[in-house]
Amino acid sequence: MPAASRGIIPSNAGDAAPKPRPDKEARGGAPADQGGPMLFSSLSDYSQSVIPADRMAKVLEFLGRDDLADIECGRHDIDGDAIYANVMEFETVPAAEKPFEAHRRYADVHFVISGVERLATAPVRELEPLGEFNRKDDFGLYVNAPREAWVELHEGDLVVTPPCDAHKPGCCAEAGPAKLKKVCVKVLVD
């Protein structure tokens, strides 16, 4: 079975990246001077896994704002409908209570402002749709992942989920449900 793709942040995305966190290496992350992050993809999904560097630079500039912790919830346009941020605050829930979601036109950049979030990804092609895909809102729900990959995001962490990957955001860590403030930046990739 082909490998699932995982979104990336291109190492050439510009100088607007958020400042590296000092605790990142202690939690297993590579030091900032060792190049870009890992990309896990299948050959057939690779072209959907990469956000163009010029668009990613705009995302990183927005996420690097000094006032991000105080930003109001709701939509914030970065480049019209091509790139916009949804800022939200909510309590995380157990993963069993959530289906996967996926998009066809947008990649999501999930960034934790405060709190901890677990997020699962799985290849859309391996999931069962839960109803019809909503083309207008670019949104579909899916269930029954034969395999999934998990990441735990802490303050300042981000993950990119491209259209070829369904994702299950907003799941609680082992400590249980907790308050989360995050940004989901929508980046048009079609």
Foldseek 3Di string as FASTA:
>chain_A
DFWAWFAWQAQLLDDLAADDDPCQVVVPHDPPPPHTDDITHGPVCVLQRYDDSPQSNLVRNVVNDPCVLVDDAAKDDSDPPQKIKGKDKDKFAALVVFFWKAFDFWKKKKAFQADKKKKKKAFPVQWAWPDDQDNVVRMTTTDDGPDIDMDMHHHGDITIGGRRMTMTIRHDDPVGIDMTIIMIMIHGDD
